[in-house]
């Protein structure tokens, strides 16, 4: 997965931020958010933590949080 490659992370985070901002509803977004949550907690890079928290905040405020995806 490209999110684990350091050189690709800015592109992946930028794309994911755009998808979440546009509120694209897909089960895959929910799966990616779980990965983003782990990166936000486990990453040593401050920019990854900051990007992850911004994406997660936007997701939690705008997406439906139900059992059904």
PDB file of N, CA and C in Angstrom:
ATOM      1  N   UNK A   1       0.842  -1.164   0.000  1.00  0.00           N
ATOM      2  CA  UNK A   1       0.000   0.000   0.000  1.00  0.00           C
ATOM      3  C   UNK A   1       0.897   1.239   0.000  1.00  0.00           C
ATOM      4  N   UNK A   2       0.519   2.243  -0.773  1.00  0.00           N
ATOM      5  CA  UNK A   2       1.338   3.434  -0.928  1.00  0.00           C
ATOM      6  C   UNK A   2       1.409   4.300   0.322  1.00  0.00           C
ATOM      7  N   UNK A   3       0.500   4.115   1.232  1.00  0.00           N
ATOM      8  CA  UNK A   3       0.514   4.935   2.447  1.00  0.00           C
ATOM      9  C   UNK A   3       1.717   4.615   3.326  1.00  0.00           C
ATOM     10  N   UNK A   4       2.309   3.451   3.142  1.00  0.00           N
ATOM     11  CA  UNK A   4       3.479   3.067   3.919  1.00  0.00           C
ATOM     12  C   UNK A   4       4.784   3.553   3.293  1.00  0.00           C
ATOM     13  N   UNK A   5       4.766   3.954   2.032  1.00  0.00           N
ATOM     14  CA  UNK A   5       5.964   4.458   1.365  1.00  0.00           C
ATOM     15  C   UNK A   5       6.118   5.945   1.664  1.00  0.00           C
ATOM     16  N   UNK A   6       7.230   6.295   2.251  1.00  0.00           N
ATOM     17  CA  UNK A   6       7.450   7.664   2.707  1.00  0.00           C
ATOM     18  C   UNK A   6       7.340   8.677   1.568  1.00  0.00           C
ATOM     19  N   UNK A   7       7.853   8.326   0.384  1.00  0.00           N
ATOM     20  CA  UNK A   7       7.840   9.264  -0.740  1.00  0.00           C
ATOM     21  C   UNK A   7       6.432   9.500  -1.282  1.00  0.00           C
ATOM     22  N   UNK A   8       5.539   8.540  -1.117  1.00  0.00           N
ATOM     23  CA  UNK A   8       4.182   8.651  -1.653  1.00  0.00           C
ATOM     24  C   UNK A   8       3.181   9.232  -0.662  1.00  0.00           C
ATOM     25  N   UNK A   9       3.552   9.360   0.598  1.00  0.00           N
ATOM     26  CA  UNK A   9       2.604   9.785   1.625  1.00  0.00           C
ATOM     27  C   UNK A   9       1.946  11.137   1.352  1.00  0.00           C
ATOM     28  N   UNK A  10       2.666  12.156   0.911  1.00  0.00           N
ATOM     29  CA  UNK A  10       1.981  13.433   0.651  1.00  0.00           C
ATOM     30  C   UNK A  10       0.890  13.301  -0.418  1.00  0.00           C
ATOM     31  N   UNK A  11       1.152  12.510  -1.446  1.00  0.00           N
ATOM     32  CA  UNK A  11       0.157  12.312  -2.497  1.00  0.00           C
ATOM     33  C   UNK A  11      -1.058  11.549  -1.973  1.00  0.00           C
ATOM     34  N   UNK A  12      -0.813  10.512  -1.194  1.00  0.00           N
ATOM     35  CA  UNK A  12      -1.899   9.697  -0.658  1.00  0.00           C
ATOM     36  C   UNK A  12      -2.752  10.513   0.299  1.00  0.00           C
ATOM     37  N   UNK A  13      -2.110  11.249   1.184  1.00  0.00           N
ATOM     38  CA  UNK A  13      -2.854  12.062   2.141  1.00  0.00           C
ATOM     39  C   UNK A  13      -3.624  13.178   1.442  1.00  0.00           C
ATOM     40  N   UNK A  14      -3.041  13.769   0.426  1.00  0.00           N
ATOM     41  CA  UNK A  14      -3.729  14.805  -0.335  1.00  0.00           C
ATOM     42  C   UNK A  14      -4.961  14.262  -1.048  1.00  0.00           C
ATOM     43  N   UNK A  15      -4.825  13.101  -1.646  1.00  0.00           N
ATOM     44  CA  UNK A  15      -5.946  12.467  -2.338  1.00  0.00           C
ATOM     45  C   UNK A  15      -7.042  12.076  -1.351  1.00  0.00           C
ATOM     46  N   UNK A  16      -6.657  11.486  -0.251  1.00  0.00           N
ATOM     47  CA  UNK A  16      -7.636  11.079   0.749  1.00  0.00           C
ATOM     48  C   UNK A  16      -8.336  12.297   1.359  1.00  0.00           C
ATOM     49  N   UNK A  17      -7.592  13.356   1.587  1.00  0.00           N
ATOM     50  CA  UNK A  17      -8.199  14.589   2.104  1.00  0.00           C
ATOM     51  C   UNK A  17      -9.247  15.116   1.115  1.00  0.00           C
ATOM     52  N   UNK A  18      -8.938  15.085  -0.170  1.00  0.00           N
ATOM     53  CA  UNK A  18      -9.887  15.537  -1.184  1.00  0.00           C
ATOM     54  C   UNK A  18     -11.138  14.670  -1.206  1.00  0.00           C
ATOM     55  N   UNK A  19     -10.966  13.356  -1.086  1.00  0.00           N
ATOM     56  CA  UNK A  19     -12.115  12.449  -1.080  1.00  0.00           C
ATOM     57  C   UNK A  19     -13.007  12.682   0.130  1.00  0.00           C
ATOM     58  N   UNK A  20     -12.390  12.862   1.289  1.00  0.00           N
ATOM     59  CA  UNK A  20     -13.165  13.091   2.503  1.00  0.00           C
ATOM     60  C   UNK A  20     -13.833  14.467   2.450  1.00  0.00           C
ATOM     61  N   UNK A  21     -13.134  15.471   1.926  1.00  0.00           N
ATOM     62  CA  UNK A  21     -13.698  16.817   1.816  1.00  0.00           C
ATOM     63  C   UNK A  21     -14.921  16.822   0.905  1.00  0.00           C
ATOM     64  N   UNK A  22     -14.864  16.034  -0.167  1.00  0.00           N
ATOM     65  CA  UNK A  22     -15.986  15.955  -1.106  1.00  0.00           C
ATOM     66  C   UNK A  22     -17.058  14.963  -0.661  1.00  0.00           C
ATOM     67  N   UNK A  23     -16.804  14.319   0.473  1.00  0.00           N
ATOM     68  CA  UNK A  23     -17.747  13.388   1.092  1.00  0.00           C
ATOM     69  C   UNK A  23     -18.122  12.239   0.157  1.00  0.00           C
ATOM     70  N   UNK A  24     -17.121  11.602  -0.409  1.00  0.00           N
ATOM     71  CA  UNK A  24     -17.319  10.436  -1.258  1.00  0.00           C
ATOM     72  C   UNK A  24     -17.709   9.272  -0.355  1.00  0.00           C
ATOM     73  N   UNK A  25     -18.876   8.703  -0.593  1.00  0.00           N
ATOM     74  CA  UNK A  25     -19.356   7.603   0.228  1.00  0.00           C
ATOM     75  C   UNK A  25     -18.970   6.275  -0.413  1.00  0.00           C
ATOM     76  N   UNK A  26     -18.092   5.571   0.255  1.00  0.00           N
ATOM     77  CA  UNK A  26     -17.637   4.268  -0.211  1.00  0.00           C
ATOM     78  C   UNK A  26     -17.168   3.480   1.010  1.00  0.00           C
ATOM     79  N   UNK A  27     -17.407   2.176   1.010  1.00  0.00           N
ATOM     80  CA  UNK A  27     -16.901   1.363   2.128  1.00  0.00           C
ATOM     81  C   UNK A  27     -15.377   1.409   2.239  1.00  0.00           C
ATOM     82  N   UNK A  28     -14.708   1.666   1.117  1.00  0.00           N
ATOM     83  CA  UNK A  28     -13.243   1.717   1.133  1.00  0.00           C
ATOM     84  C   UNK A  28     -12.721   2.924   1.918  1.00  0.00           C
ATOM     85  N   UNK A  29     -13.471   3.998   1.929  1.00  0.00           N
ATOM     86  CA  UNK A  29     -13.067   5.181   2.707  1.00  0.00           C
ATOM     87  C   UNK A  29     -13.027   4.827   4.191  1.00  0.00           C
ATOM     88  N   UNK A  30     -14.014   4.080   4.644  1.00  0.00           N
ATOM     89  CA  UNK A  30     -14.056   3.671   6.049  1.00  0.00           C
ATOM     90  C   UNK A  30     -12.856   2.787   6.390  1.00  0.00           C
ATOM     91  N   UNK A  31     -12.463   1.921   5.453  1.00  0.00           N
ATOM     92  CA  UNK A  31     -11.278   1.080   5.679  1.00  0.00           C
ATOM     93  C   UNK A  31     -10.016   1.928   5.751  1.00  0.00           C
ATOM     94  N   UNK A  32      -9.910   2.906   4.878  1.00  0.00           N
ATOM     95  CA  UNK A  32      -8.741   3.793   4.887  1.00  0.00           C
ATOM     96  C   UNK A  32      -8.679   4.630   6.161  1.00  0.00           C
ATOM     97  N   UNK A  33      -9.819   5.016   6.680  1.00  0.00           N
ATOM     98  CA  UNK A  33      -9.846   5.804   7.908  1.00  0.00           C
ATOM     99  C   UNK A  33      -9.300   4.990   9.076  1.00  0.00           C
ATOM    100  N   UNK A  34      -9.570   3.701   9.092  1.00  0.00           N
ATOM    101  CA  UNK A  34      -9.002   2.853  10.149  1.00  0.00           C
ATOM    102  C   UNK A  34      -7.479   2.844  10.076  1.00  0.00           C
ATOM    103  N   UNK A  35      -6.941   2.809   8.870  1.00  0.00           N
ATOM    104  CA  UNK A  35      -5.481   2.847   8.693  1.00  0.00           C
ATOM    105  C   UNK A  35      -4.947   4.215   9.115  1.00  0.00           C
ATOM    106  N   UNK A  36      -5.664   5.276   8.749  1.00  0.00           N
ATOM    107  CA  UNK A  36      -5.258   6.636   9.113  1.00  0.00           C
ATOM    108  C   UNK A  36      -5.230   6.807  10.628  1.00  0.00           C
ATOM    109  N   UNK A  37      -6.190   6.218  11.318  1.00  0.00           N
ATOM    110  CA  UNK A  37      -6.211   6.299  12.783  1.00  0.00           C
ATOM    111  C   UNK A  37      -4.956   5.675  13.372  1.00  0.00           C
ATOM    112  N   UNK A  38      -4.556   4.531  12.838  1.00  0.00           N
ATOM    113  CA  UNK A  38      -3.343   3.873  13.335  1.00  0.00           C
ATOM    114  C   UNK A  38      -2.114   4.721  13.043  1.00  0.00           C
ATOM    115  N   UNK A  39      -2.049   5.307  11.846  1.00  0.00           N
ATOM    116  CA  UNK A  39      -0.908   6.154  11.490  1.00  0.00           C
ATOM    117  C   UNK A  39      -0.834   7.388  12.383  1.00  0.00           C
ATOM    118  N   UNK A  40      -1.990   7.937  12.725  1.00  0.00           N
ATOM    119  CA  UNK A  40      -2.015   9.132  13.558  1.00  0.00           C
ATOM    120  C   UNK A  40      -1.402   8.856  14.926  1.00  0.00           C
ATOM    121  N   UNK A  41      -1.611   7.665  15.452  1.00  0.00           N
ATOM    122  CA  UNK A  41      -1.114   7.321  16.779  1.00  0.00           C
ATOM    123  C   UNK A  41       0.321   6.800  16.729  1.00  0.00           C
ATOM    124  N   UNK A  42       0.655   6.008  15.725  1.00  0.00           N
ATOM    125  CA  UNK A  42       1.933   5.297  15.698  1.00  0.00           C
ATOM    126  C   UNK A  42       3.058   6.004  14.964  1.00  0.00           C
ATOM    127  N   UNK A  43       2.755   7.000  14.151  1.00  0.00           N
ATOM    128  CA  UNK A  43       3.789   7.626  13.331  1.00  0.00           C
ATOM    129  C   UNK A  43       4.709   8.511  14.171  1.00  0.00           C
ATOM    130  N   UNK A  44       5.962   8.510  13.804  1.00  0.00           N
ATOM    131  CA  UNK A  44       6.944   9.376  14.452  1.00  0.00           C
ATOM    132  C   UNK A  44       7.067  10.716  13.735  1.00  0.00           C
ATOM    133  N   UNK A  45       6.547  10.796  12.520  1.00  0.00           N
ATOM    134  CA  UNK A  45       6.637  12.001  11.710  1.00  0.00           C
ATOM    135  C   UNK A  45       5.495  12.964  12.067  1.00  0.00           C
ATOM    136  N   UNK A  46       5.819  14.164  12.519  1.00  0.00           N
ATOM    137  CA  UNK A  46       4.770  15.114  12.914  1.00  0.00           C
ATOM    138  C   UNK A  46       3.836  15.491  11.766  1.00  0.00           C
ATOM    139  N   UNK A  47       4.348  15.554  10.549  1.00  0.00           N
ATOM    140  CA  UNK A  47       3.483  15.926   9.424  1.00  0.00           C
ATOM    141  C   UNK A  47       2.453  14.840   9.131  1.00  0.00           C
ATOM    142  N   UNK A  48       2.822  13.586   9.323  1.00  0.00           N
ATOM    143  CA  UNK A  48       1.879  12.475   9.133  1.00  0.00           C
ATOM    144  C   UNK A  48       0.802  12.537  10.209  1.00  0.00           C
ATOM    145  N   UNK A  49       1.202  12.801  11.439  1.00  0.00           N
ATOM    146  CA  UNK A  49       0.219  12.904  12.523  1.00  0.00           C
ATOM    147  C   UNK A  49      -0.743  14.063  12.282  1.00  0.00           C
ATOM    148  N   UNK A  50      -0.218  15.195  11.826  1.00  0.00           N
ATOM    149  CA  UNK A  50      -1.053  16.367  11.575  1.00  0.00           C
ATOM    150  C   UNK A  50      -2.027  16.110  10.428  1.00  0.00           C
ATOM    151  N   UNK A  51      -1.543  15.534   9.333  1.00  0.00           N
ATOM    152  CA  UNK A  51      -2.408  15.235   8.192  1.00  0.00           C
ATOM    153  C   UNK A  51      -3.464  14.209   8.568  1.00  0.00           C
ATOM    154  N   UNK A  52      -3.053  13.198   9.302  1.00  0.00           N
ATOM    155  CA  UNK A  52      -3.988  12.151   9.721  1.00  0.00           C
ATOM    156  C   UNK A  52      -5.075  12.712  10.616  1.00  0.00           C
ATOM    157  N   UNK A  53      -4.703  13.574  11.538  1.00  0.00           N
ATOM    158  CA  UNK A  53      -5.705  14.126  12.447  1.00  0.00           C
ATOM    159  C   UNK A  53      -6.674  15.047  11.707  1.00  0.00           C
ATOM    160  N   UNK A  54      -6.192  15.796  10.716  1.00  0.00           N
ATOM    161  CA  UNK A  54      -7.072  16.668   9.937  1.00  0.00           C
ATOM    162  C   UNK A  54      -8.080  15.846   9.135  1.00  0.00           C
ATOM    163  N   UNK A  55      -7.614  14.760   8.524  1.00  0.00           N
ATOM    164  CA  UNK A  55      -8.499  13.892   7.756  1.00  0.00           C
ATOM    165  C   UNK A  55      -9.507  13.223   8.674  1.00  0.00           C
ATOM    166  N   UNK A  56      -9.045  12.734   9.806  1.00  0.00           N
ATOM    167  CA  UNK A  56      -9.934  12.051  10.739  1.00  0.00           C
ATOM    168  C   UNK A  56     -10.985  13.012  11.295  1.00  0.00           C
ATOM    169  N   UNK A  57     -10.586  14.228  11.617  1.00  0.00           N
ATOM    170  CA  UNK A  57     -11.533  15.210  12.128  1.00  0.00           C
ATOM    171  C   UNK A  57     -12.621  15.508  11.107  1.00  0.00           C
ATOM    172  N   UNK A  58     -12.224  15.729   9.861  1.00  0.00           N
ATOM    173  CA  UNK A  58     -13.190  16.010   8.796  1.00  0.00           C
ATOM    174  C   UNK A  58     -14.133  14.824   8.595  1.00  0.00           C
ATOM    175  N   UNK A  59     -13.570  13.617   8.645  1.00  0.00           N
ATOM    176  CA  UNK A  59     -14.369  12.401   8.479  1.00  0.00           C
ATOM    177  C   UNK A  59     -15.411  12.282   9.584  1.00  0.00           C
ATOM    178  N   UNK A  60     -14.993  12.461  10.822  1.00  0.00           N
ATOM    179  CA  UNK A  60     -15.907  12.307  11.953  1.00  0.00           C
ATOM    180  C   UNK A  60     -17.016  13.355  11.956  1.00  0.00           C
ATOM    181  N   UNK A  61     -16.717  14.537  11.448  1.00  0.00           N
ATOM    182  CA  UNK A  61     -17.718  15.600  11.440  1.00  0.00           C
ATOM    183  C   UNK A  61     -18.702  15.502  10.279  1.00  0.00           C
ATOM    184  N   UNK A  62     -18.328  14.862   9.174  1.00  0.00           N
ATOM    185  CA  UNK A  62     -19.173  14.913   7.986  1.00  0.00           C
ATOM    186  C   UNK A  62     -19.756  13.577   7.542  1.00  0.00           C
ATOM    187  N   UNK A  63     -19.159  12.483   7.921  1.00  0.00           N
ATOM    188  CA  UNK A  63     -19.628  11.183   7.430  1.00  0.00           C
ATOM    189  C   UNK A  63     -20.637  10.562   8.385  1.00  0.00           C
ATOM    190  N   UNK A  64     -21.579   9.772   7.833  1.00  0.00           N
ATOM    191  CA  UNK A  64     -22.500   9.043   8.711  1.00  0.00           C
ATOM    192  C   UNK A  64     -21.744   7.944   9.458  1.00  0.00           C
ATOM    193  N   UNK A  65     -21.909   7.899  10.756  1.00  0.00           N
ATOM    194  CA  UNK A  65     -21.198   6.920  11.591  1.00  0.00           C
ATOM    195  C   UNK A  65     -22.198   5.886  12.086  1.00  0.00           C
ATOM    196  N   UNK A  66     -22.534   4.973  11.210  1.00  0.00           N
ATOM    197  CA  UNK A  66     -23.493   3.930  11.519  1.00  0.00           C
ATOM    198  C   UNK A  66     -22.828   2.569  11.400  1.00  0.00           C
ATOM    199  N   UNK A  67     -23.544   1.553  11.820  1.00  0.00           N
ATOM    200  CA  UNK A  67     -23.036   0.187  11.671  1.00  0.00           C
ATOM    201  C   UNK A  67     -22.886  -0.151  10.194  1.00  0.00           C
ATOM    202  N   UNK A  68     -23.886   0.217   9.404  1.00  0.00           N
ATOM    203  CA  UNK A  68     -23.860  -0.061   7.975  1.00  0.00           C
ATOM    204  C   UNK A  68     -22.996   0.975   7.274  1.00  0.00           C
ATOM    205  N   UNK A  69     -22.110   0.512   6.440  1.00  0.00           N
ATOM    206  CA  UNK A  69     -21.245   1.430   5.700  1.00  0.00           C
ATOM    207  C   UNK A  69     -21.996   1.893   4.498  1.00  0.00           C
TER     208      UNK A  69
END
